[in-house]
Amino acid sequence: MFRQGDVLIVPMAEEAVPGHLREAPGEPRDARGRMVLALGEVSGHAHALTAPGRLLRSDPSVRLLHLPEGGRLVHEEHAPIVLPKGWYRVVRQREYTPGAVRIVAD
């Protein structure tokens, strides 16, 4: 399990990946060719990878990351993290505020 700021990256077995997602195209990359796991609303900083792979959305709240060769997760304010090849579930930290639960943003 890996954590970089408000992003948690949980390894998962390939068998646990829904079949329809194993070959699905990934989300588009940003203008710099990065897979952006989270983008800071205030700072504009990003938790991002430039490695081969795909970022997939299985439903509005769950994102999966496939890194067939591994990758390096970077962010402007955190130390980089080397991720081994594999499948991961990407979880954004949430916080409770009176009347709502919202995703934490930098």
PDB file of N, CA and C in Angstrom:
ATOM      1  N   MET A   1       0.848  -1.168   0.000  1.00  0.00           N
ATOM      2  CA  MET A   1       0.000   0.000   0.000  1.00  0.00           C
ATOM      3  C   MET A   1       0.897   1.237   0.000  1.00  0.00           C
ATOM      4  N   PHE A   2       0.511   2.232  -0.759  1.00  0.00           N
ATOM      5  CA  PHE A   2       1.306   3.448  -0.899  1.00  0.00           C
ATOM      6  C   PHE A   2       0.412   4.658  -0.636  1.00  0.00           C
ATOM      7  N   ARG A   3       1.012   5.683  -0.052  1.00  0.00           N
ATOM      8  CA  ARG A   3       0.259   6.911   0.190  1.00  0.00           C
ATOM      9  C   ARG A   3       1.130   8.096  -0.199  1.00  0.00           C
ATOM     10  N   GLN A   4       0.552   9.022  -0.963  1.00  0.00           N
ATOM     11  CA  GLN A   4       1.238  10.266  -1.298  1.00  0.00           C
ATOM     12  C   GLN A   4       0.238  11.387  -1.039  1.00  0.00           C
ATOM     13  N   GLY A   5       0.386  12.060   0.082  1.00  0.00           N
ATOM     14  CA  GLY A   5      -0.560  13.113   0.442  1.00  0.00           C
ATOM     15  C   GLY A   5      -1.960  12.568   0.610  1.00  0.00           C
ATOM     16  N   ASP A   6      -2.906  13.122  -0.128  1.00  0.00           N
ATOM     17  CA  ASP A   6      -4.298  12.707   0.012  1.00  0.00           C
ATOM     18  C   ASP A   6      -4.689  11.576  -0.931  1.00  0.00           C
ATOM     19  N   VAL A   7      -3.700  10.909  -1.531  1.00  0.00           N
ATOM     20  CA  VAL A   7      -3.980   9.804  -2.458  1.00  0.00           C
ATOM     21  C   VAL A   7      -3.416   8.506  -1.880  1.00  0.00           C
ATOM     22  N   LEU A   8      -4.269   7.500  -1.776  1.00  0.00           N
ATOM     23  CA  LEU A   8      -3.892   6.165  -1.313  1.00  0.00           C
ATOM     24  C   LEU A   8      -3.940   5.225  -2.515  1.00  0.00           C
ATOM     25  N   ILE A   9      -2.893   4.413  -2.686  1.00  0.00           N
ATOM     26  CA  ILE A   9      -2.795   3.495  -3.818  1.00  0.00           C
ATOM     27  C   ILE A   9      -2.672   2.087  -3.261  1.00  0.00           C
ATOM     28  N   VAL A  10      -3.682   1.275  -3.531  1.00  0.00           N
ATOM     29  CA  VAL A  10      -3.781  -0.051  -2.934  1.00  0.00           C
ATOM     30  C   VAL A  10      -3.574  -1.109  -4.006  1.00  0.00           C
ATOM     31  N   PRO A  11      -2.514  -1.953  -3.895  1.00  0.00           N
ATOM     32  CA  PRO A  11      -2.333  -3.033  -4.871  1.00  0.00           C
ATOM     33  C   PRO A  11      -3.536  -3.975  -4.854  1.00  0.00           C
ATOM     34  N   MET A  12      -3.848  -4.519  -6.022  1.00  0.00           N
ATOM     35  CA  MET A  12      -4.943  -5.486  -6.097  1.00  0.00           C
ATOM     36  C   MET A  12      -4.564  -6.608  -7.060  1.00  0.00           C
ATOM     37  N   ALA A  13      -5.082  -7.793  -6.791  1.00  0.00           N
ATOM     38  CA  ALA A  13      -4.825  -8.949  -7.640  1.00  0.00           C
ATOM     39  C   ALA A  13      -5.516  -8.761  -8.980  1.00  0.00           C
ATOM     40  N   GLU A  14      -4.872  -9.200 -10.065  1.00  0.00           N
ATOM     41  CA  GLU A  14      -5.469  -9.059 -11.388  1.00  0.00           C
ATOM     42  C   GLU A  14      -6.819  -9.755 -11.458  1.00  0.00           C
ATOM     43  N   GLU A  15      -6.972 -10.846 -10.709  1.00  0.00           N
ATOM     44  CA  GLU A  15      -8.237 -11.578 -10.711  1.00  0.00           C
ATOM     45  C   GLU A  15      -9.382 -10.747 -10.134  1.00  0.00           C
ATOM     46  N   ALA A  16      -9.049  -9.747  -9.315  1.00  0.00           N
ATOM     47  CA  ALA A  16     -10.076  -8.897  -8.700  1.00  0.00           C
ATOM     48  C   ALA A  16     -10.529  -7.769  -9.623  1.00  0.00           C
ATOM     49  N   VAL A  17      -9.812  -7.555 -10.741  1.00  0.00           N
ATOM     50  CA  VAL A  17     -10.180  -6.489 -11.678  1.00  0.00           C
ATOM     51  C   VAL A  17     -11.379  -6.960 -12.494  1.00  0.00           C
ATOM     52  N   PRO A  18     -12.446  -6.168 -12.556  1.00  0.00           N
ATOM     53  CA  PRO A  18     -13.601  -6.574 -13.369  1.00  0.00           C
ATOM     54  C   PRO A  18     -13.180  -6.850 -14.817  1.00  0.00           C
ATOM     55  N   GLY A  19     -13.687  -7.928 -15.380  1.00  0.00           N
ATOM     56  CA  GLY A  19     -13.284  -8.360 -16.713  1.00  0.00           C
ATOM     57  C   GLY A  19     -13.438  -7.290 -17.780  1.00  0.00           C
ATOM     58  N   HIS A  20     -14.518  -6.507 -17.712  1.00  0.00           N
ATOM     59  CA  HIS A  20     -14.743  -5.490 -18.739  1.00  0.00           C
ATOM     60  C   HIS A  20     -13.712  -4.363 -18.693  1.00  0.00           C
ATOM     61  N   LEU A  21     -12.963  -4.252 -17.593  1.00  0.00           N
ATOM     62  CA  LEU A  21     -11.961  -3.192 -17.472  1.00  0.00           C
ATOM     63  C   LEU A  21     -10.558  -3.636 -17.866  1.00  0.00           C
ATOM     64  N   ARG A  22     -10.318  -4.936 -17.913  1.00  0.00           N
ATOM     65  CA  ARG A  22      -8.947  -5.412 -18.183  1.00  0.00           C
ATOM     66  C   ARG A  22      -8.424  -4.948 -19.539  1.00  0.00           C
ATOM     67  N   GLU A  23      -9.291  -4.814 -20.532  1.00  0.00           N
ATOM     68  CA  GLU A  23      -8.873  -4.383 -21.870  1.00  0.00           C
ATOM     69  C   GLU A  23      -9.461  -3.033 -22.262  1.00  0.00           C
ATOM     70  N   ALA A  24     -10.137  -2.365 -21.341  1.00  0.00           N
ATOM     71  CA  ALA A  24     -10.778  -1.083 -21.656  1.00  0.00           C
ATOM     72  C   ALA A  24      -9.729   0.004 -21.881  1.00  0.00           C
ATOM     73  N   PRO A  25     -10.033   0.972 -22.746  1.00  0.00           N
ATOM     74  CA  PRO A  25      -9.103   2.095 -22.909  1.00  0.00           C
ATOM     75  C   PRO A  25      -9.082   2.935 -21.635  1.00  0.00           C
ATOM     76  N   GLY A  26      -7.977   3.552 -21.392  1.00  0.00           N
ATOM     77  CA  GLY A  26      -7.853   4.372 -20.200  1.00  0.00           C
ATOM     78  C   GLY A  26      -8.387   5.769 -20.405  1.00  0.00           C
ATOM     79  N   GLU A  27      -8.437   6.512 -19.308  1.00  0.00           N
ATOM     80  CA  GLU A  27      -8.835   7.917 -19.392  1.00  0.00           C
ATOM     81  C   GLU A  27      -7.771   8.686 -20.162  1.00  0.00           C
ATOM     82  N   PRO A  28      -8.145   9.759 -20.811  1.00  0.00           N
ATOM     83  CA  PRO A  28      -7.149  10.562 -21.537  1.00  0.00           C
ATOM     84  C   PRO A  28      -6.077  11.105 -20.590  1.00  0.00           C
ATOM     85  N   ARG A  29      -4.865  11.237 -21.122  1.00  0.00           N
ATOM     86  CA  ARG A  29      -3.773  11.840 -20.350  1.00  0.00           C
ATOM     87  C   ARG A  29      -3.850  13.359 -20.482  1.00  0.00           C
ATOM     88  N   ASP A  30      -3.158  14.060 -19.590  1.00  0.00           N
ATOM     89  CA  ASP A  30      -3.186  15.515 -19.676  1.00  0.00           C
ATOM     90  C   ASP A  30      -2.274  15.996 -20.806  1.00  0.00           C
ATOM     91  N   ALA A  31      -2.161  17.299 -20.989  1.00  0.00           N
ATOM     92  CA  ALA A  31      -1.380  17.876 -22.097  1.00  0.00           C
ATOM     93  C   ALA A  31       0.098  17.524 -22.014  1.00  0.00           C
ATOM     94  N   ARG A  32       0.571  17.142 -20.822  1.00  0.00           N
ATOM     95  CA  ARG A  32       1.978  16.754 -20.643  1.00  0.00           C
ATOM     96  C   ARG A  32       2.175  15.250 -20.758  1.00  0.00           C
ATOM     97  N   GLY A  33       1.127  14.513 -21.132  1.00  0.00           N
ATOM     98  CA  GLY A  33       1.224  13.066 -21.308  1.00  0.00           C
ATOM     99  C   GLY A  33       1.187  12.284 -20.015  1.00  0.00           C
ATOM    100  N   ARG A  34       0.693  12.890 -18.953  1.00  0.00           N
ATOM    101  CA  ARG A  34       0.673  12.243 -17.642  1.00  0.00           C
ATOM    102  C   ARG A  34      -0.692  11.646 -17.339  1.00  0.00           C
ATOM    103  N   MET A  35      -0.684  10.583 -16.530  1.00  0.00           N
ATOM    104  CA  MET A  35      -1.916  10.080 -15.931  1.00  0.00           C
ATOM    105  C   MET A  35      -2.045  10.813 -14.601  1.00  0.00           C
ATOM    106  N   VAL A  36      -3.059  11.643 -14.466  1.00  0.00           N
ATOM    107  CA  VAL A  36      -3.231  12.450 -13.259  1.00  0.00           C
ATOM    108  C   VAL A  36      -4.206  11.741 -12.327  1.00  0.00           C
ATOM    109  N   LEU A  37      -3.684  11.299 -11.171  1.00  0.00           N
ATOM    110  CA  LEU A  37      -4.525  10.617 -10.192  1.00  0.00           C
ATOM    111  C   LEU A  37      -5.357  11.607  -9.392  1.00  0.00           C
ATOM    112  N   ALA A  38      -4.792  12.783  -9.138  1.00  0.00           N
ATOM    113  CA  ALA A  38      -5.511  13.828  -8.410  1.00  0.00           C
ATOM    114  C   ALA A  38      -4.868  15.166  -8.739  1.00  0.00           C
ATOM    115  N   LEU A  39      -5.708  16.175  -8.862  1.00  0.00           N
ATOM    116  CA  LEU A  39      -5.240  17.515  -9.184  1.00  0.00           C
ATOM    117  C   LEU A  39      -5.691  18.468  -8.091  1.00  0.00           C
ATOM    118  N   GLY A  40      -4.748  19.217  -7.529  1.00  0.00           N
ATOM    119  CA  GLY A  40      -5.077  20.149  -6.465  1.00  0.00           C
ATOM    120  C   GLY A  40      -5.902  21.313  -6.984  1.00  0.00           C
ATOM    121  N   GLU A  41      -7.043  21.551  -6.342  1.00  0.00           N
ATOM    122  CA  GLU A  41      -7.926  22.633  -6.782  1.00  0.00           C
ATOM    123  C   GLU A  41      -7.316  24.004  -6.509  1.00  0.00           C
ATOM    124  N   VAL A  42      -6.610  24.114  -5.401  1.00  0.00           N
ATOM    125  CA  VAL A  42      -6.050  25.395  -5.008  1.00  0.00           C
ATOM    126  C   VAL A  42      -4.655  25.596  -5.600  1.00  0.00           C
ATOM    127  N   SER A  43      -3.788  24.607  -5.430  1.00  0.00           N
ATOM    128  CA  SER A  43      -2.383  24.741  -5.838  1.00  0.00           C
ATOM    129  C   SER A  43      -2.151  24.422  -7.321  1.00  0.00           C
ATOM    130  N   GLY A  44      -2.990  23.589  -7.926  1.00  0.00           N
ATOM    131  CA  GLY A  44      -2.757  23.146  -9.299  1.00  0.00           C
ATOM    132  C   GLY A  44      -1.731  22.029  -9.377  1.00  0.00           C
ATOM    133  N   HIS A  45      -1.188  21.621  -8.218  1.00  0.00           N
ATOM    134  CA  HIS A  45      -0.241  20.508  -8.190  1.00  0.00           C
ATOM    135  C   HIS A  45      -0.977  19.202  -8.478  1.00  0.00           C
ATOM    136  N   ALA A  46      -0.215  18.222  -9.013  1.00  0.00           N
ATOM    137  CA  ALA A  46      -0.854  16.967  -9.407  1.00  0.00           C
ATOM    138  C   ALA A  46      -0.085  15.771  -8.887  1.00  0.00           C
ATOM    139  N   HIS A  47      -0.817  14.734  -8.508  1.00  0.00           N
ATOM    140  CA  HIS A  47      -0.255  13.416  -8.256  1.00  0.00           C
ATOM    141  C   HIS A  47      -0.323  12.729  -9.615  1.00  0.00           C
ATOM    142  N   ALA A  48       0.834  12.499 -10.266  1.00  0.00           N
ATOM    143  CA  ALA A  48       0.808  12.063 -11.662  1.00  0.00           C
ATOM    144  C   ALA A  48       1.914  11.070 -11.976  1.00  0.00           C
ATOM    145  N   LEU A  49       1.677  10.275 -13.028  1.00  0.00           N
ATOM    146  CA  LEU A  49       2.644   9.292 -13.535  1.00  0.00           C
ATOM    147  C   LEU A  49       2.815   9.515 -15.031  1.00  0.00           C
ATOM    148  N   THR A  50       4.033   9.275 -15.536  1.00  0.00           N
ATOM    149  CA  THR A  50       4.261   9.324 -16.980  1.00  0.00           C
ATOM    150  C   THR A  50       4.558   7.936 -17.540  1.00  0.00           C
ATOM    151  N   ALA A  51       4.420   6.921 -16.760  1.00  0.00           N
ATOM    152  CA  ALA A  51       4.735   5.545 -17.149  1.00  0.00           C
ATOM    153  C   ALA A  51       3.710   4.981 -18.123  1.00  0.00           C
ATOM    154  N   PRO A  52       4.079   3.910 -18.850  1.00  0.00           N
ATOM    155  CA  PRO A  52       3.077   3.205 -19.648  1.00  0.00           C
ATOM    156  C   PRO A  52       1.987   2.657 -18.718  1.00  0.00           C
ATOM    157  N   GLY A  53       0.770   2.670 -19.195  1.00  0.00           N
ATOM    158  CA  GLY A  53      -0.317   2.153 -18.372  1.00  0.00           C
ATOM    159  C   GLY A  53      -1.616   2.871 -18.647  1.00  0.00           C
ATOM    160  N   ARG A  54      -2.604   2.578 -17.816  1.00  0.00           N
ATOM    161  CA  ARG A  54      -3.935   3.157 -17.989  1.00  0.00           C
ATOM    162  C   ARG A  54      -4.536   3.499 -16.640  1.00  0.00           C
ATOM    163  N   LEU A  55      -5.318   4.560 -16.637  1.00  0.00           N
ATOM    164  CA  LEU A  55      -6.123   4.937 -15.482  1.00  0.00           C
ATOM    165  C   LEU A  55      -7.566   4.739 -15.900  1.00  0.00           C
ATOM    166  N   LEU A  56      -8.296   3.950 -15.127  1.00  0.00           N
ATOM    167  CA  LEU A  56      -9.664   3.565 -15.498  1.00  0.00           C
ATOM    168  C   LEU A  56     -10.637   3.945 -14.397  1.00  0.00           C
ATOM    169  N   ARG A  57     -11.863   4.221 -14.782  1.00  0.00           N
ATOM    170  CA  ARG A  57     -12.902   4.520 -13.800  1.00  0.00           C
ATOM    171  C   ARG A  57     -13.944   3.412 -13.885  1.00  0.00           C
ATOM    172  N   SER A  58     -14.076   2.658 -12.770  1.00  0.00           N
ATOM    173  CA  SER A  58     -15.055   1.576 -12.790  1.00  0.00           C
ATOM    174  C   SER A  58     -16.436   2.067 -12.397  1.00  0.00           C
ATOM    175  N   ASP A  59     -16.501   3.119 -11.615  1.00  0.00           N
ATOM    176  CA  ASP A  59     -17.756   3.819 -11.319  1.00  0.00           C
ATOM    177  C   ASP A  59     -17.354   5.204 -10.838  1.00  0.00           C
ATOM    178  N   PRO A  60     -18.291   6.095 -10.561  1.00  0.00           N
ATOM    179  CA  PRO A  60     -17.907   7.467 -10.235  1.00  0.00           C
ATOM    180  C   PRO A  60     -16.936   7.608  -9.061  1.00  0.00           C
ATOM    181  N   SER A  61     -16.913   6.643  -8.158  1.00  0.00           N
ATOM    182  CA  SER A  61     -16.066   6.810  -6.980  1.00  0.00           C
ATOM    183  C   SER A  61     -14.822   5.915  -6.960  1.00  0.00           C
ATOM    184  N   VAL A  62     -14.684   5.008  -7.936  1.00  0.00           N
ATOM    185  CA  VAL A  62     -13.564   4.069  -7.918  1.00  0.00           C
ATOM    186  C   VAL A  62     -12.738   4.222  -9.184  1.00  0.00           C
ATOM    187  N   ARG A  63     -11.426   4.408  -8.993  1.00  0.00           N
ATOM    188  CA  ARG A  63     -10.494   4.472 -10.124  1.00  0.00           C
ATOM    189  C   ARG A  63      -9.474   3.354  -9.967  1.00  0.00           C
ATOM    190  N   LEU A  64      -9.152   2.721 -11.087  1.00  0.00           N
ATOM    191  CA  LEU A  64      -8.153   1.665 -11.108  1.00  0.00           C
ATOM    192  C   LEU A  64      -6.984   2.128 -11.955  1.00  0.00           C
ATOM    193  N   LEU A  65      -5.785   1.693 -11.567  1.00  0.00           N
ATOM    194  CA  LEU A  65      -4.558   2.046 -12.269  1.00  0.00           C
ATOM    195  C   LEU A  65      -3.866   0.760 -12.684  1.00  0.00           C
ATOM    196  N   HIS A  66      -3.513   0.647 -13.974  1.00  0.00           N
ATOM    197  CA  HIS A  66      -2.767  -0.504 -14.455  1.00  0.00           C
ATOM    198  C   HIS A  66      -1.403  -0.021 -14.923  1.00  0.00           C
ATOM    199  N   LEU A  67      -0.355  -0.581 -14.315  1.00  0.00           N
ATOM    200  CA  LEU A  67       1.022  -0.238 -14.677  1.00  0.00           C
ATOM    201  C   LEU A  67       1.721  -1.520 -15.118  1.00  0.00           C
ATOM    202  N   PRO A  68       1.750  -1.826 -16.421  1.00  0.00           N
ATOM    203  CA  PRO A  68       2.359  -3.083 -16.878  1.00  0.00           C
ATOM    204  C   PRO A  68       3.868  -3.129 -16.700  1.00  0.00           C
ATOM    205  N   GLU A  69       4.505  -1.975 -16.544  1.00  0.00           N
ATOM    206  CA  GLU A  69       5.970  -1.940 -16.355  1.00  0.00           C
ATOM    207  C   GLU A  69       6.364  -1.217 -15.061  1.00  0.00           C
ATOM    208  N   GLY A  70       5.410  -0.908 -14.222  1.00  0.00           N
ATOM    209  CA  GLY A  70       5.685  -0.114 -13.039  1.00  0.00           C
ATOM    210  C   GLY A  70       5.730   1.354 -13.410  1.00  0.00           C
ATOM    211  N   GLY A  71       5.961   2.205 -12.416  1.00  0.00           N
ATOM    212  CA  GLY A  71       5.998   3.636 -12.704  1.00  0.00           C
ATOM    213  C   GLY A  71       6.442   4.431 -11.487  1.00  0.00           C
ATOM    214  N   ARG A  72       6.593   5.716 -11.701  1.00  0.00           N
ATOM    215  CA  ARG A  72       7.047   6.618 -10.642  1.00  0.00           C
ATOM    216  C   ARG A  72       5.991   7.700 -10.457  1.00  0.00           C
ATOM    217  N   LEU A  73       5.398   7.725  -9.275  1.00  0.00           N
ATOM    218  CA  LEU A  73       4.376   8.721  -8.947  1.00  0.00           C
ATOM    219  C   LEU A  73       5.068   9.962  -8.402  1.00  0.00           C
ATOM    220  N   VAL A  74       4.769  11.110  -8.990  1.00  0.00           N
ATOM    221  CA  VAL A  74       5.407  12.355  -8.555  1.00  0.00           C
ATOM    222  C   VAL A  74       4.355  13.390  -8.162  1.00  0.00           C
ATOM    223  N   HIS A  75       4.791  14.339  -7.352  1.00  0.00           N
ATOM    224  CA  HIS A  75       3.964  15.469  -6.928  1.00  0.00           C
ATOM    225  C   HIS A  75       4.929  16.583  -6.540  1.00  0.00           C
ATOM    226  N   GLU A  76       4.558  17.809  -6.760  1.00  0.00           N
ATOM    227  CA  GLU A  76       5.435  18.939  -6.518  1.00  0.00           C
ATOM    228  C   GLU A  76       5.837  19.103  -5.053  1.00  0.00           C
ATOM    229  N   GLU A  77       5.039  18.603  -4.109  1.00  0.00           N
ATOM    230  CA  GLU A  77       5.325  18.812  -2.688  1.00  0.00           C
ATOM    231  C   GLU A  77       5.607  17.527  -1.913  1.00  0.00           C
ATOM    232  N   HIS A  78       5.660  16.387  -2.594  1.00  0.00           N
ATOM    233  CA  HIS A  78       5.882  15.120  -1.907  1.00  0.00           C
ATOM    234  C   HIS A  78       7.036  14.371  -2.575  1.00  0.00           C
ATOM    235  N   ALA A  79       7.646  13.467  -1.826  1.00  0.00           N
ATOM    236  CA  ALA A  79       8.707  12.628  -2.381  1.00  0.00           C
ATOM    237  C   ALA A  79       8.098  11.683  -3.427  1.00  0.00           C
ATOM    238  N   PRO A  80       8.847  11.390  -4.503  1.00  0.00           N
ATOM    239  CA  PRO A  80       8.330  10.447  -5.494  1.00  0.00           C
ATOM    240  C   PRO A  80       8.215   9.043  -4.905  1.00  0.00           C
ATOM    241  N   ILE A  81       7.309   8.257  -5.485  1.00  0.00           N
ATOM    242  CA  ILE A  81       7.100   6.878  -5.054  1.00  0.00           C
ATOM    243  C   ILE A  81       7.226   5.984  -6.280  1.00  0.00           C
ATOM    244  N   VAL A  82       8.068   4.959  -6.176  1.00  0.00           N
ATOM    245  CA  VAL A  82       8.203   3.985  -7.262  1.00  0.00           C
ATOM    246  C   VAL A  82       7.173   2.888  -7.035  1.00  0.00           C
ATOM    247  N   LEU A  83       6.316   2.667  -8.035  1.00  0.00           N
ATOM    248  CA  LEU A  83       5.278   1.643  -7.953  1.00  0.00           C
ATOM    249  C   LEU A  83       5.679   0.454  -8.818  1.00  0.00           C
ATOM    250  N   PRO A  84       5.680  -0.751  -8.261  1.00  0.00           N
ATOM    251  CA  PRO A  84       5.962  -1.940  -9.060  1.00  0.00           C
ATOM    252  C   PRO A  84       4.851  -2.170 -10.083  1.00  0.00           C
ATOM    253  N   LYS A  85       5.145  -2.976 -11.098  1.00  0.00           N
ATOM    254  CA  LYS A  85       4.108  -3.268 -12.087  1.00  0.00           C
ATOM    255  C   LYS A  85       2.938  -3.961 -11.408  1.00  0.00           C
ATOM    256  N   GLY A  86       1.744  -3.725 -11.960  1.00  0.00           N
ATOM    257  CA  GLY A  86       0.563  -4.357 -11.391  1.00  0.00           C
ATOM    258  C   GLY A  86      -0.680  -3.491 -11.520  1.00  0.00           C
ATOM    259  N   TRP A  87      -1.721  -3.943 -10.834  1.00  0.00           N
ATOM    260  CA  TRP A  87      -3.008  -3.239 -10.780  1.00  0.00           C
ATOM    261  C   TRP A  87      -3.153  -2.601  -9.408  1.00  0.00           C
ATOM    262  N   TYR A  88      -3.781  -1.422  -9.387  1.00  0.00           N
ATOM    263  CA  TYR A  88      -3.974  -0.689  -8.137  1.00  0.00           C
ATOM    264  C   TYR A  88      -5.361  -0.049  -8.112  1.00  0.00           C
ATOM    265  N   ARG A  89      -5.877   0.108  -6.908  1.00  0.00           N
ATOM    266  CA  ARG A  89      -7.093   0.899  -6.692  1.00  0.00           C
ATOM    267  C   ARG A  89      -6.635   2.240  -6.143  1.00  0.00           C
ATOM    268  N   VAL A  90      -7.128   3.324  -6.722  1.00  0.00           N
ATOM    269  CA  VAL A  90      -6.743   4.673  -6.318  1.00  0.00           C
ATOM    270  C   VAL A  90      -7.863   5.245  -5.452  1.00  0.00           C
ATOM    271  N   VAL A  91      -7.513   5.616  -4.225  1.00  0.00           N
ATOM    272  CA  VAL A  91      -8.507   6.106  -3.265  1.00  0.00           C
ATOM    273  C   VAL A  91      -8.143   7.524  -2.869  1.00  0.00           C
ATOM    274  N   ARG A  92      -9.082   8.431  -2.992  1.00  0.00           N
ATOM    275  CA  ARG A  92      -8.876   9.817  -2.548  1.00  0.00           C
ATOM    276  C   ARG A  92      -9.342   9.958  -1.106  1.00  0.00           C
ATOM    277  N   GLN A  93      -8.565  10.683  -0.311  1.00  0.00           N
ATOM    278  CA  GLN A  93      -8.945  10.932   1.072  1.00  0.00           C
ATOM    279  C   GLN A  93     -10.203  11.788   1.089  1.00  0.00           C
ATOM    280  N   ARG A  94     -11.067  11.481   2.015  1.00  0.00           N
ATOM    281  CA  ARG A  94     -12.302  12.251   2.175  1.00  0.00           C
ATOM    282  C   ARG A  94     -12.337  12.844   3.573  1.00  0.00           C
ATOM    283  N   GLU A  95     -13.105  13.898   3.721  1.00  0.00           N
ATOM    284  CA  GLU A  95     -13.278  14.492   5.035  1.00  0.00           C
ATOM    285  C   GLU A  95     -14.738  14.850   5.241  1.00  0.00           C
ATOM    286  N   TYR A  96     -15.102  14.802   6.523  1.00  0.00           N
ATOM    287  CA  TYR A  96     -16.470  15.145   6.874  1.00  0.00           C
ATOM    288  C   TYR A  96     -16.546  16.624   7.190  1.00  0.00           C
ATOM    289  N   THR A  97     -17.519  17.277   6.650  1.00  0.00           N
ATOM    290  CA  THR A  97     -17.862  18.632   7.048  1.00  0.00           C
ATOM    291  C   THR A  97     -19.344  18.595   7.372  1.00  0.00           C
ATOM    292  N   PRO A  98     -19.799  19.424   8.271  1.00  0.00           N
ATOM    293  CA  PRO A  98     -21.229  19.366   8.601  1.00  0.00           C
ATOM    294  C   PRO A  98     -22.101  19.439   7.343  1.00  0.00           C
ATOM    295  N   GLY A  99     -22.873  18.398   7.159  1.00  0.00           N
ATOM    296  CA  GLY A  99     -23.795  18.368   6.030  1.00  0.00           C
ATOM    297  C   GLY A  99     -23.255  17.710   4.784  1.00  0.00           C
ATOM    298  N   ALA A 100     -21.963  17.302   4.784  1.00  0.00           N
ATOM    299  CA  ALA A 100     -21.432  16.693   3.557  1.00  0.00           C
ATOM    300  C   ALA A 100     -20.142  15.924   3.842  1.00  0.00           C
ATOM    301  N   VAL A 101     -19.839  14.991   2.951  1.00  0.00           N
ATOM    302  CA  VAL A 101     -18.543  14.317   2.935  1.00  0.00           C
ATOM    303  C   VAL A 101     -17.931  14.695   1.604  1.00  0.00           C
ATOM    304  N   ARG A 102     -16.711  15.238   1.640  1.00  0.00           N
ATOM    305  CA  ARG A 102     -16.113  15.694   0.394  1.00  0.00           C
ATOM    306  C   ARG A 102     -14.695  15.166   0.246  1.00  0.00           C
ATOM    307  N   ILE A 103     -14.206  15.124  -0.985  1.00  0.00           N
ATOM    308  CA  ILE A 103     -12.850  14.692  -1.272  1.00  0.00           C
ATOM    309  C   ILE A 103     -11.898  15.807  -0.883  1.00  0.00           C
ATOM    310  N   VAL A 104     -10.820  15.439  -0.187  1.00  0.00           N
ATOM    311  CA  VAL A 104      -9.814  16.416   0.228  1.00  0.00           C
ATOM    312  C   VAL A 104      -9.057  16.893  -1.005  1.00  0.00           C
ATOM    313  N   ALA A 105      -8.844  18.190  -1.078  1.00  0.00           N
ATOM    314  CA  ALA A 105      -8.084  18.772  -2.191  1.00  0.00           C
ATOM    315  C   ALA A 105      -6.946  19.602  -1.632  1.00  0.00           C
ATOM    316  N   ASP A 106      -5.811  19.546  -2.313  1.00  0.00           N
ATOM    317  CA  ASP A 106      -4.641  20.338  -1.887  1.00  0.00           C
ATOM    318  C   ASP A 106      -4.953  21.818  -1.961  1.00  0.00           C
TER     319      ASP A 106
END
